[in-house]
Amino acid sequence: MENNLRDKISMEGMAKEAGMSLRHFNSRFKSATGETVTKHLQLVRVDAAKVDLVNTNRPFEEISLNTGYENVSFFRRVFKKNTSLTPAEYRRRFCQF
C-alpha cells in the first residue's frame, strides 16, 4: 500500500494477490492489524500527507492527489477525522521550515 498510494488500490486485487477470497482476506487483515483494509489505507494516506505537510510547501490539493485522493474535500474530512486538525492547522503546528 505504502509504495502505491497514487494508484487505485483494489481490495479485490490485494485479495487475489494474496491468493484468498475477498471475505477471507478482509477477515485475516482485520485479525492481523485490528483495522479494516479501508481504514488502514486511509491511515497510511493520512500519514503520507502529514509528512508532506511538514516537509514541503506543496498545497494540500497536490498532496491529496499524490496520496491517491482525487476528491480533495473528502480527503480533508478524512484527514481531520484522523488527526483532529485541518491540514492547514497541522502544517502550522508541525511545519519544519
PDB file of N, CA and C in Angstrom:
ATOM      1  N   MET A   1       0.820  -1.189   0.000  1.00  0.00           N
ATOM      2  CA  MET A   1       0.000   0.000   0.000  1.00  0.00           C
ATOM      3  C   MET A   1       0.867   1.257   0.000  1.00  0.00           C
ATOM      4  N   GLU A   2       1.842   1.281   0.896  1.00  0.00           N
ATOM      5  CA  GLU A   2       2.666   2.473   1.065  1.00  0.00           C
ATOM      6  C   GLU A   2       3.392   2.864  -0.216  1.00  0.00           C
ATOM      7  N   ASN A   3       3.760   1.885  -1.015  1.00  0.00           N
ATOM      8  CA  ASN A   3       4.518   2.153  -2.239  1.00  0.00           C
ATOM      9  C   ASN A   3       3.651   2.537  -3.423  1.00  0.00           C
ATOM     10  N   ASN A   4       2.344   2.398  -3.304  1.00  0.00           N
ATOM     11  CA  ASN A   4       1.451   2.643  -4.434  1.00  0.00           C
ATOM     12  C   ASN A   4       0.288   3.554  -4.075  1.00  0.00           C
ATOM     13  N   LEU A   5       0.534   4.570  -3.264  1.00  0.00           N
ATOM     14  CA  LEU A   5      -0.551   5.421  -2.785  1.00  0.00           C
ATOM     15  C   LEU A   5      -1.320   6.112  -3.906  1.00  0.00           C
ATOM     16  N   ARG A   6      -0.629   6.534  -4.950  1.00  0.00           N
ATOM     17  CA  ARG A   6      -1.292   7.265  -6.036  1.00  0.00           C
ATOM     18  C   ARG A   6      -2.195   6.360  -6.864  1.00  0.00           C
ATOM     19  N   ASP A   7      -1.914   5.072  -6.868  1.00  0.00           N
ATOM     20  CA  ASP A   7      -2.683   4.135  -7.683  1.00  0.00           C
ATOM     21  C   ASP A   7      -4.019   3.831  -7.024  1.00  0.00           C
ATOM     22  N   LYS A   8      -4.962   3.443  -7.862  1.00  0.00           N
ATOM     23  CA  LYS A   8      -6.217   2.927  -7.307  1.00  0.00           C
ATOM     24  C   LYS A   8      -5.882   1.576  -6.690  1.00  0.00           C
ATOM     25  N   ILE A   9      -6.148   1.448  -5.427  1.00  0.00           N
ATOM     26  CA  ILE A   9      -5.840   0.207  -4.727  1.00  0.00           C
ATOM     27  C   ILE A   9      -7.136  -0.565  -4.548  1.00  0.00           C
ATOM     28  N   SER A  10      -7.164  -1.720  -5.137  1.00  0.00           N
ATOM     29  CA  SER A  10      -8.362  -2.550  -5.129  1.00  0.00           C
ATOM     30  C   SER A  10      -8.212  -3.653  -4.087  1.00  0.00           C
ATOM     31  N   MET A  11      -9.212  -3.751  -3.223  1.00  0.00           N
ATOM     32  CA  MET A  11      -9.178  -4.825  -2.230  1.00  0.00           C
ATOM     33  C   MET A  11      -9.278  -6.179  -2.914  1.00  0.00           C
ATOM     34  N   GLU A  12     -10.053  -6.228  -3.990  1.00  0.00           N
ATOM     35  CA  GLU A  12     -10.157  -7.478  -4.739  1.00  0.00           C
ATOM     36  C   GLU A  12      -8.797  -7.879  -5.295  1.00  0.00           C
ATOM     37  N   GLY A  13      -8.043  -6.883  -5.798  1.00  0.00           N
ATOM     38  CA  GLY A  13      -6.706  -7.153  -6.331  1.00  0.00           C
ATOM     39  C   GLY A  13      -5.744  -7.628  -5.257  1.00  0.00           C
ATOM     40  N   MET A  14      -5.819  -7.003  -4.081  1.00  0.00           N
ATOM     41  CA  MET A  14      -4.951  -7.430  -2.983  1.00  0.00           C
ATOM     42  C   MET A  14      -5.297  -8.848  -2.540  1.00  0.00           C
ATOM     43  N   ALA A  15      -6.586  -9.145  -2.466  1.00  0.00           N
ATOM     44  CA  ALA A  15      -7.013 -10.490  -2.069  1.00  0.00           C
ATOM     45  C   ALA A  15      -6.533 -11.521  -3.087  1.00  0.00           C
ATOM     46  N   LYS A  16      -6.667 -11.172  -4.357  1.00  0.00           N
ATOM     47  CA  LYS A  16      -6.230 -12.092  -5.419  1.00  0.00           C
ATOM     48  C   LYS A  16      -4.723 -12.305  -5.339  1.00  0.00           C
ATOM     49  N   GLU A  17      -3.973 -11.218  -5.111  1.00  0.00           N
ATOM     50  CA  GLU A  17      -2.521 -11.325  -4.998  1.00  0.00           C
ATOM     51  C   GLU A  17      -2.118 -12.191  -3.809  1.00  0.00           C
ATOM     52  N   ALA A  18      -2.915 -12.142  -2.743  1.00  0.00           N
ATOM     53  CA  ALA A  18      -2.645 -12.964  -1.554  1.00  0.00           C
ATOM     54  C   ALA A  18      -3.177 -14.382  -1.707  1.00  0.00           C
ATOM     55  N   GLY A  19      -3.894 -14.648  -2.808  1.00  0.00           N
ATOM     56  CA  GLY A  19      -4.436 -15.987  -3.038  1.00  0.00           C
ATOM     57  C   GLY A  19      -5.609 -16.321  -2.141  1.00  0.00           C
ATOM     58  N   MET A  20      -6.421 -15.300  -1.809  1.00  0.00           N
ATOM     59  CA  MET A  20      -7.556 -15.505  -0.913  1.00  0.00           C
ATOM     60  C   MET A  20      -8.813 -14.901  -1.519  1.00  0.00           C
ATOM     61  N   SER A  21      -9.940 -15.335  -0.995  1.00  0.00           N
ATOM     62  CA  SER A  21     -11.188 -14.675  -1.356  1.00  0.00           C
ATOM     63  C   SER A  21     -11.196 -13.307  -0.676  1.00  0.00           C
ATOM     64  N   LEU A  22     -12.003 -12.396  -1.186  1.00  0.00           N
ATOM     65  CA  LEU A  22     -12.081 -11.062  -0.597  1.00  0.00           C
ATOM     66  C   LEU A  22     -12.512 -11.140   0.872  1.00  0.00           C
ATOM     67  N   ARG A  23     -13.510 -11.949   1.134  1.00  0.00           N
ATOM     68  CA  ARG A  23     -14.014 -12.078   2.505  1.00  0.00           C
ATOM     69  C   ARG A  23     -12.936 -12.608   3.445  1.00  0.00           C
ATOM     70  N   HIS A  24     -12.222 -13.634   3.010  1.00  0.00           N
ATOM     71  CA  HIS A  24     -11.153 -14.219   3.834  1.00  0.00           C
ATOM     72  C   HIS A  24     -10.016 -13.214   4.023  1.00  0.00           C
ATOM     73  N   PHE A  25      -9.653 -12.507   2.959  1.00  0.00           N
ATOM     74  CA  PHE A  25      -8.595 -11.501   3.039  1.00  0.00           C
ATOM     75  C   PHE A  25      -8.949 -10.415   4.055  1.00  0.00           C
ATOM     76  N   ASN A  26     -10.181  -9.893   3.947  1.00  0.00           N
ATOM     77  CA  ASN A  26     -10.622  -8.856   4.881  1.00  0.00           C
ATOM     78  C   ASN A  26     -10.583  -9.356   6.324  1.00  0.00           C
ATOM     79  N   SER A  27     -11.035 -10.564   6.520  1.00  0.00           N
ATOM     80  CA  SER A  27     -11.059 -11.146   7.857  1.00  0.00           C
ATOM     81  C   SER A  27      -9.646 -11.320   8.409  1.00  0.00           C
ATOM     82  N   ARG A  28      -8.750 -11.861   7.615  1.00  0.00           N
ATOM     83  CA  ARG A  28      -7.361 -12.072   8.050  1.00  0.00           C
ATOM     84  C   ARG A  28      -6.650 -10.751   8.294  1.00  0.00           C
ATOM     85  N   PHE A  29      -6.914  -9.754   7.439  1.00  0.00           N
ATOM     86  CA  PHE A  29      -6.288  -8.447   7.589  1.00  0.00           C
ATOM     87  C   PHE A  29      -6.703  -7.810   8.908  1.00  0.00           C
ATOM     88  N   LYS A  30      -8.008  -7.831   9.176  1.00  0.00           N
ATOM     89  CA  LYS A  30      -8.508  -7.225  10.414  1.00  0.00           C
ATOM     90  C   LYS A  30      -7.975  -7.980  11.633  1.00  0.00           C
ATOM     91  N   SER A  31      -7.890  -9.273  11.517  1.00  0.00           N
ATOM     92  CA  SER A  31      -7.365 -10.087  12.605  1.00  0.00           C
ATOM     93  C   SER A  31      -5.901  -9.734  12.893  1.00  0.00           C
ATOM     94  N   ALA A  32      -5.136  -9.502  11.835  1.00  0.00           N
ATOM     95  CA  ALA A  32      -3.707  -9.227  11.987  1.00  0.00           C
ATOM     96  C   ALA A  32      -3.416  -7.796  12.421  1.00  0.00           C
ATOM     97  N   THR A  33      -4.239  -6.840  11.965  1.00  0.00           N
ATOM     98  CA  THR A  33      -3.923  -5.425  12.219  1.00  0.00           C
ATOM     99  C   THR A  33      -4.877  -4.741  13.187  1.00  0.00           C
ATOM    100  N   GLY A  34      -6.036  -5.314  13.385  1.00  0.00           N
ATOM    101  CA  GLY A  34      -7.046  -4.680  14.222  1.00  0.00           C
ATOM    102  C   GLY A  34      -7.844  -3.613  13.494  1.00  0.00           C
ATOM    103  N   GLU A  35      -7.579  -3.449  12.209  1.00  0.00           N
ATOM    104  CA  GLU A  35      -8.272  -2.444  11.388  1.00  0.00           C
ATOM    105  C   GLU A  35      -8.769  -3.089  10.111  1.00  0.00           C
ATOM    106  N   THR A  36      -9.772  -2.463   9.519  1.00  0.00           N
ATOM    107  CA  THR A  36     -10.198  -2.916   8.202  1.00  0.00           C
ATOM    108  C   THR A  36      -9.164  -2.457   7.177  1.00  0.00           C
ATOM    109  N   VAL A  37      -9.193  -3.066   6.014  1.00  0.00           N
ATOM    110  CA  VAL A  37      -8.278  -2.685   4.940  1.00  0.00           C
ATOM    111  C   VAL A  37      -8.493  -1.218   4.585  1.00  0.00           C
ATOM    112  N   THR A  38      -9.745  -0.800   4.474  1.00  0.00           N
ATOM    113  CA  THR A  38     -10.068   0.578   4.106  1.00  0.00           C
ATOM    114  C   THR A  38      -9.537   1.559   5.136  1.00  0.00           C
ATOM    115  N   LYS A  39      -9.738   1.282   6.399  1.00  0.00           N
ATOM    116  CA  LYS A  39      -9.255   2.166   7.463  1.00  0.00           C
ATOM    117  C   LYS A  39      -7.737   2.229   7.451  1.00  0.00           C
ATOM    118  N   HIS A  40      -7.090   1.095   7.272  1.00  0.00           N
ATOM    119  CA  HIS A  40      -5.631   1.066   7.234  1.00  0.00           C
ATOM    120  C   HIS A  40      -5.111   1.910   6.069  1.00  0.00           C
ATOM    121  N   LEU A  41      -5.729   1.771   4.913  1.00  0.00           N
ATOM    122  CA  LEU A  41      -5.319   2.546   3.745  1.00  0.00           C
ATOM    123  C   LEU A  41      -5.499   4.042   4.011  1.00  0.00           C
ATOM    124  N   GLN A  42      -6.605   4.420   4.649  1.00  0.00           N
ATOM    125  CA  GLN A  42      -6.812   5.827   4.999  1.00  0.00           C
ATOM    126  C   GLN A  42      -5.689   6.316   5.913  1.00  0.00           C
ATOM    127  N   LEU A  43      -5.343   5.542   6.917  1.00  0.00           N
ATOM    128  CA  LEU A  43      -4.295   5.942   7.864  1.00  0.00           C
ATOM    129  C   LEU A  43      -2.936   6.062   7.175  1.00  0.00           C
ATOM    130  N   VAL A  44      -2.645   5.161   6.270  1.00  0.00           N
ATOM    131  CA  VAL A  44      -1.384   5.225   5.522  1.00  0.00           C
ATOM    132  C   VAL A  44      -1.343   6.496   4.691  1.00  0.00           C
ATOM    133  N   ARG A  45      -2.462   6.821   4.049  1.00  0.00           N
ATOM    134  CA  ARG A  45      -2.518   8.030   3.226  1.00  0.00           C
ATOM    135  C   ARG A  45      -2.448   9.293   4.080  1.00  0.00           C
ATOM    136  N   VAL A  46      -3.101   9.303   5.220  1.00  0.00           N
ATOM    137  CA  VAL A  46      -3.030  10.458   6.130  1.00  0.00           C
ATOM    138  C   VAL A  46      -1.593  10.626   6.624  1.00  0.00           C
ATOM    139  N   ASP A  47      -0.922   9.539   6.981  1.00  0.00           N
ATOM    140  CA  ASP A  47       0.468   9.627   7.434  1.00  0.00           C
ATOM    141  C   ASP A  47       1.374  10.195   6.342  1.00  0.00           C
ATOM    142  N   ALA A  48       1.164   9.770   5.111  1.00  0.00           N
ATOM    143  CA  ALA A  48       1.959  10.305   3.992  1.00  0.00           C
ATOM    144  C   ALA A  48       1.688  11.794   3.805  1.00  0.00           C
ATOM    145  N   ALA A  49       0.445  12.195   3.935  1.00  0.00           N
ATOM    146  CA  ALA A  49       0.088  13.611   3.815  1.00  0.00           C
ATOM    147  C   ALA A  49       0.722  14.422   4.934  1.00  0.00           C
ATOM    148  N   LYS A  50       0.734  13.888   6.145  1.00  0.00           N
ATOM    149  CA  LYS A  50       1.344  14.594   7.276  1.00  0.00           C
ATOM    150  C   LYS A  50       2.820  14.863   7.010  1.00  0.00           C
ATOM    151  N   VAL A  51       3.518  13.877   6.476  1.00  0.00           N
ATOM    152  CA  VAL A  51       4.936  14.042   6.156  1.00  0.00           C
ATOM    153  C   VAL A  51       5.113  15.160   5.129  1.00  0.00           C
ATOM    154  N   ASP A  52       4.302  15.149   4.082  1.00  0.00           N
ATOM    155  CA  ASP A  52       4.397  16.195   3.055  1.00  0.00           C
ATOM    156  C   ASP A  52       4.030  17.564   3.604  1.00  0.00           C
ATOM    157  N   LEU A  53       3.047  17.625   4.479  1.00  0.00           N
ATOM    158  CA  LEU A  53       2.636  18.913   5.025  1.00  0.00           C
ATOM    159  C   LEU A  53       3.753  19.574   5.834  1.00  0.00           C
ATOM    160  N   VAL A  54       4.500  18.794   6.577  1.00  0.00           N
ATOM    161  CA  VAL A  54       5.530  19.389   7.423  1.00  0.00           C
ATOM    162  C   VAL A  54       6.879  19.538   6.725  1.00  0.00           C
ATOM    163  N   ASN A  55       7.091  18.821   5.639  1.00  0.00           N
ATOM    164  CA  ASN A  55       8.398  18.857   4.977  1.00  0.00           C
ATOM    165  C   ASN A  55       8.408  19.550   3.621  1.00  0.00           C
ATOM    166  N   THR A  56       7.255  19.959   3.135  1.00  0.00           N
ATOM    167  CA  THR A  56       7.194  20.659   1.847  1.00  0.00           C
ATOM    168  C   THR A  56       6.245  21.841   1.979  1.00  0.00           C
ATOM    169  N   ASN A  57       6.231  22.672   0.973  1.00  0.00           N
ATOM    170  CA  ASN A  57       5.260  23.769   0.940  1.00  0.00           C
ATOM    171  C   ASN A  57       4.207  23.533  -0.142  1.00  0.00           C
ATOM    172  N   ARG A  58       4.117  22.293  -0.592  1.00  0.00           N
ATOM    173  CA  ARG A  58       3.114  21.965  -1.609  1.00  0.00           C
ATOM    174  C   ARG A  58       1.713  22.187  -1.068  1.00  0.00           C
ATOM    175  N   PRO A  59       0.804  22.647  -1.928  1.00  0.00           N
ATOM    176  CA  PRO A  59      -0.584  22.828  -1.482  1.00  0.00           C
ATOM    177  C   PRO A  59      -1.235  21.479  -1.178  1.00  0.00           C
ATOM    178  N   PHE A  60      -2.218  21.512  -0.291  1.00  0.00           N
ATOM    179  CA  PHE A  60      -2.884  20.275   0.109  1.00  0.00           C
ATOM    180  C   PHE A  60      -3.550  19.587  -1.079  1.00  0.00           C
ATOM    181  N   GLU A  61      -4.009  20.353  -2.051  1.00  0.00           N
ATOM    182  CA  GLU A  61      -4.634  19.761  -3.236  1.00  0.00           C
ATOM    183  C   GLU A  61      -3.651  18.827  -3.943  1.00  0.00           C
ATOM    184  N   GLU A  62      -2.406  19.244  -4.067  1.00  0.00           N
ATOM    185  CA  GLU A  62      -1.384  18.405  -4.700  1.00  0.00           C
ATOM    186  C   GLU A  62      -1.046  17.205  -3.828  1.00  0.00           C
ATOM    187  N   ILE A  63      -0.936  17.446  -2.535  1.00  0.00           N
ATOM    188  CA  ILE A  63      -0.654  16.355  -1.598  1.00  0.00           C
ATOM    189  C   ILE A  63      -1.771  15.322  -1.653  1.00  0.00           C
ATOM    190  N   SER A  64      -3.002  15.794  -1.721  1.00  0.00           N
ATOM    191  CA  SER A  64      -4.152  14.900  -1.799  1.00  0.00           C
ATOM    192  C   SER A  64      -4.055  13.993  -3.024  1.00  0.00           C
ATOM    193  N   LEU A  65      -3.759  14.574  -4.159  1.00  0.00           N
ATOM    194  CA  LEU A  65      -3.620  13.785  -5.387  1.00  0.00           C
ATOM    195  C   LEU A  65      -2.464  12.796  -5.286  1.00  0.00           C
ATOM    196  N   ASN A  66      -1.363  13.231  -4.692  1.00  0.00           N
ATOM    197  CA  ASN A  66      -0.190  12.360  -4.556  1.00  0.00           C
ATOM    198  C   ASN A  66      -0.417  11.200  -3.600  1.00  0.00           C
ATOM    199  N   THR A  67      -1.399  11.327  -2.736  1.00  0.00           N
ATOM    200  CA  THR A  67      -1.683  10.238  -1.802  1.00  0.00           C
ATOM    201  C   THR A  67      -2.873   9.395  -2.248  1.00  0.00           C
ATOM    202  N   GLY A  68      -3.375   9.665  -3.446  1.00  0.00           N
ATOM    203  CA  GLY A  68      -4.407   8.800  -4.010  1.00  0.00           C
ATOM    204  C   GLY A  68      -5.831   9.291  -3.886  1.00  0.00           C
ATOM    205  N   TYR A  69      -6.032  10.507  -3.413  1.00  0.00           N
ATOM    206  CA  TYR A  69      -7.386  11.048  -3.301  1.00  0.00           C
ATOM    207  C   TYR A  69      -7.623  12.095  -4.378  1.00  0.00           C
ATOM    208  N   GLU A  70      -8.572  11.847  -5.251  1.00  0.00           N
ATOM    209  CA  GLU A  70      -8.938  12.827  -6.273  1.00  0.00           C
ATOM    210  C   GLU A  70      -9.908  13.855  -5.706  1.00  0.00           C
ATOM    211  N   ASN A  71     -10.685  13.461  -4.723  1.00  0.00           N
ATOM    212  CA  ASN A  71     -11.651  14.357  -4.098  1.00  0.00           C
ATOM    213  C   ASN A  71     -10.985  15.000  -2.873  1.00  0.00           C
ATOM    214  N   VAL A  72     -10.491  16.214  -3.085  1.00  0.00           N
ATOM    215  CA  VAL A  72      -9.718  16.897  -2.050  1.00  0.00           C
ATOM    216  C   VAL A  72     -10.563  17.178  -0.811  1.00  0.00           C
ATOM    217  N   SER A  73     -11.800  17.609  -0.995  1.00  0.00           N
ATOM    218  CA  SER A  73     -12.627  17.931   0.177  1.00  0.00           C
ATOM    219  C   SER A  73     -12.919  16.680   1.007  1.00  0.00           C
ATOM    220  N   PHE A  74     -13.100  15.535   0.351  1.00  0.00           N
ATOM    221  CA  PHE A  74     -13.296  14.291   1.096  1.00  0.00           C
ATOM    222  C   PHE A  74     -12.032  13.955   1.894  1.00  0.00           C
ATOM    223  N   PHE A  75     -10.864  14.116   1.263  1.00  0.00           N
ATOM    224  CA  PHE A  75      -9.620  13.802   1.974  1.00  0.00           C
ATOM    225  C   PHE A  75      -9.395  14.767   3.135  1.00  0.00           C
ATOM    226  N   ARG A  76      -9.805  16.033   2.991  1.00  0.00           N
ATOM    227  CA  ARG A  76      -9.708  16.972   4.109  1.00  0.00           C
ATOM    228  C   ARG A  76     -10.501  16.443   5.311  1.00  0.00           C
ATOM    229  N   ARG A  77     -11.709  15.940   5.036  1.00  0.00           N
ATOM    230  CA  ARG A  77     -12.541  15.393   6.119  1.00  0.00           C
ATOM    231  C   ARG A  77     -11.884  14.158   6.742  1.00  0.00           C
ATOM    232  N   VAL A  78     -11.339  13.281   5.896  1.00  0.00           N
ATOM    233  CA  VAL A  78     -10.646  12.083   6.398  1.00  0.00           C
ATOM    234  C   VAL A  78      -9.455  12.507   7.251  1.00  0.00           C
ATOM    235  N   PHE A  79      -8.702  13.486   6.760  1.00  0.00           N
ATOM    236  CA  PHE A  79      -7.525  13.974   7.482  1.00  0.00           C
ATOM    237  C   PHE A  79      -7.931  14.524   8.847  1.00  0.00           C
ATOM    238  N   LYS A  80      -8.943  15.376   8.869  1.00  0.00           N
ATOM    239  CA  LYS A  80      -9.366  15.988  10.129  1.00  0.00           C
ATOM    240  C   LYS A  80      -9.910  14.937  11.101  1.00  0.00           C
ATOM    241  N   LYS A  81     -10.647  13.983  10.573  1.00  0.00           N
ATOM    242  CA  LYS A  81     -11.203  12.926  11.427  1.00  0.00           C
ATOM    243  C   LYS A  81     -10.086  12.126  12.100  1.00  0.00           C
ATOM    244  N   ASN A  82      -8.980  11.931  11.391  1.00  0.00           N
ATOM    245  CA  ASN A  82      -7.898  11.104  11.916  1.00  0.00           C
ATOM    246  C   ASN A  82      -6.851  11.871  12.712  1.00  0.00           C
ATOM    247  N   THR A  83      -6.793  13.199  12.569  1.00  0.00           N
ATOM    248  CA  THR A  83      -5.773  13.974  13.277  1.00  0.00           C
ATOM    249  C   THR A  83      -6.362  15.017  14.228  1.00  0.00           C
ATOM    250  N   SER A  84      -7.659  15.267  14.114  1.00  0.00           N
ATOM    251  CA  SER A  84      -8.358  16.316  14.869  1.00  0.00           C
ATOM    252  C   SER A  84      -7.912  17.721  14.468  1.00  0.00           C
ATOM    253  N   LEU A  85      -7.174  17.829  13.363  1.00  0.00           N
ATOM    254  CA  LEU A  85      -6.714  19.116  12.848  1.00  0.00           C
ATOM    255  C   LEU A  85      -6.992  19.188  11.354  1.00  0.00           C
ATOM    256  N   THR A  86      -7.246  20.399  10.874  1.00  0.00           N
ATOM    257  CA  THR A  86      -7.324  20.565   9.425  1.00  0.00           C
ATOM    258  C   THR A  86      -5.895  20.471   8.888  1.00  0.00           C
ATOM    259  N   PRO A  87      -5.739  20.230   7.594  1.00  0.00           N
ATOM    260  CA  PRO A  87      -4.379  20.197   7.040  1.00  0.00           C
ATOM    261  C   PRO A  87      -3.611  21.500   7.303  1.00  0.00           C
ATOM    262  N   ALA A  88      -4.278  22.642   7.184  1.00  0.00           N
ATOM    263  CA  ALA A  88      -3.609  23.930   7.422  1.00  0.00           C
ATOM    264  C   ALA A  88      -3.174  24.045   8.879  1.00  0.00           C
ATOM    265  N   GLU A  89      -4.029  23.639   9.810  1.00  0.00           N
ATOM    266  CA  GLU A  89      -3.670  23.678  11.231  1.00  0.00           C
ATOM    267  C   GLU A  89      -2.489  22.742  11.520  1.00  0.00           C
ATOM    268  N   TYR A  90      -2.524  21.569  10.905  1.00  0.00           N
ATOM    269  CA  TYR A  90      -1.449  20.604  11.098  1.00  0.00           C
ATOM    270  C   TYR A  90      -0.125  21.188  10.613  1.00  0.00           C
ATOM    271  N   ARG A  91      -0.146  21.796   9.428  1.00  0.00           N
ATOM    272  CA  ARG A  91       1.069  22.389   8.868  1.00  0.00           C
ATOM    273  C   ARG A  91       1.599  23.496   9.778  1.00  0.00           C
ATOM    274  N   ARG A  92       0.712  24.369  10.237  1.00  0.00           N
ATOM    275  CA  ARG A  92       1.146  25.470  11.118  1.00  0.00           C
ATOM    276  C   ARG A  92       1.758  24.933  12.410  1.00  0.00           C
ATOM    277  N   ARG A  93       1.181  23.903  12.949  1.00  0.00           N
ATOM    278  CA  ARG A  93       1.649  23.371  14.234  1.00  0.00           C
ATOM    279  C   ARG A  93       2.965  22.621  14.122  1.00  0.00           C
ATOM    280  N   PHE A  94       3.153  21.871  13.037  1.00  0.00           N
ATOM    281  CA  PHE A  94       4.302  20.961  12.972  1.00  0.00           C
ATOM    282  C   PHE A  94       5.307  21.266  11.866  1.00  0.00           C
ATOM    283  N   CYS A  95       5.110  22.335  11.135  1.00  0.00           N
ATOM    284  CA  CYS A  95       5.966  22.644   9.979  1.00  0.00           C
ATOM    285  C   CYS A  95       7.439  22.769  10.381  1.00  0.00           C
ATOM    286  N   GLN A  96       8.310  22.214   9.534  1.00  0.00           N
ATOM    287  CA  GLN A  96       9.748  22.191   9.807  1.00  0.00           C
ATOM    288  C   GLN A  96      10.499  23.393   9.229  1.00  0.00           C
ATOM    289  N   PHE A  97       9.869  24.159   8.350  1.00  0.00           N
ATOM    290  CA  PHE A  97      10.587  25.288   7.734  1.00  0.00           C
ATOM    291  C   PHE A  97       9.835  26.572   7.879  1.00  0.00           C
TER     292      PHE A  97
END
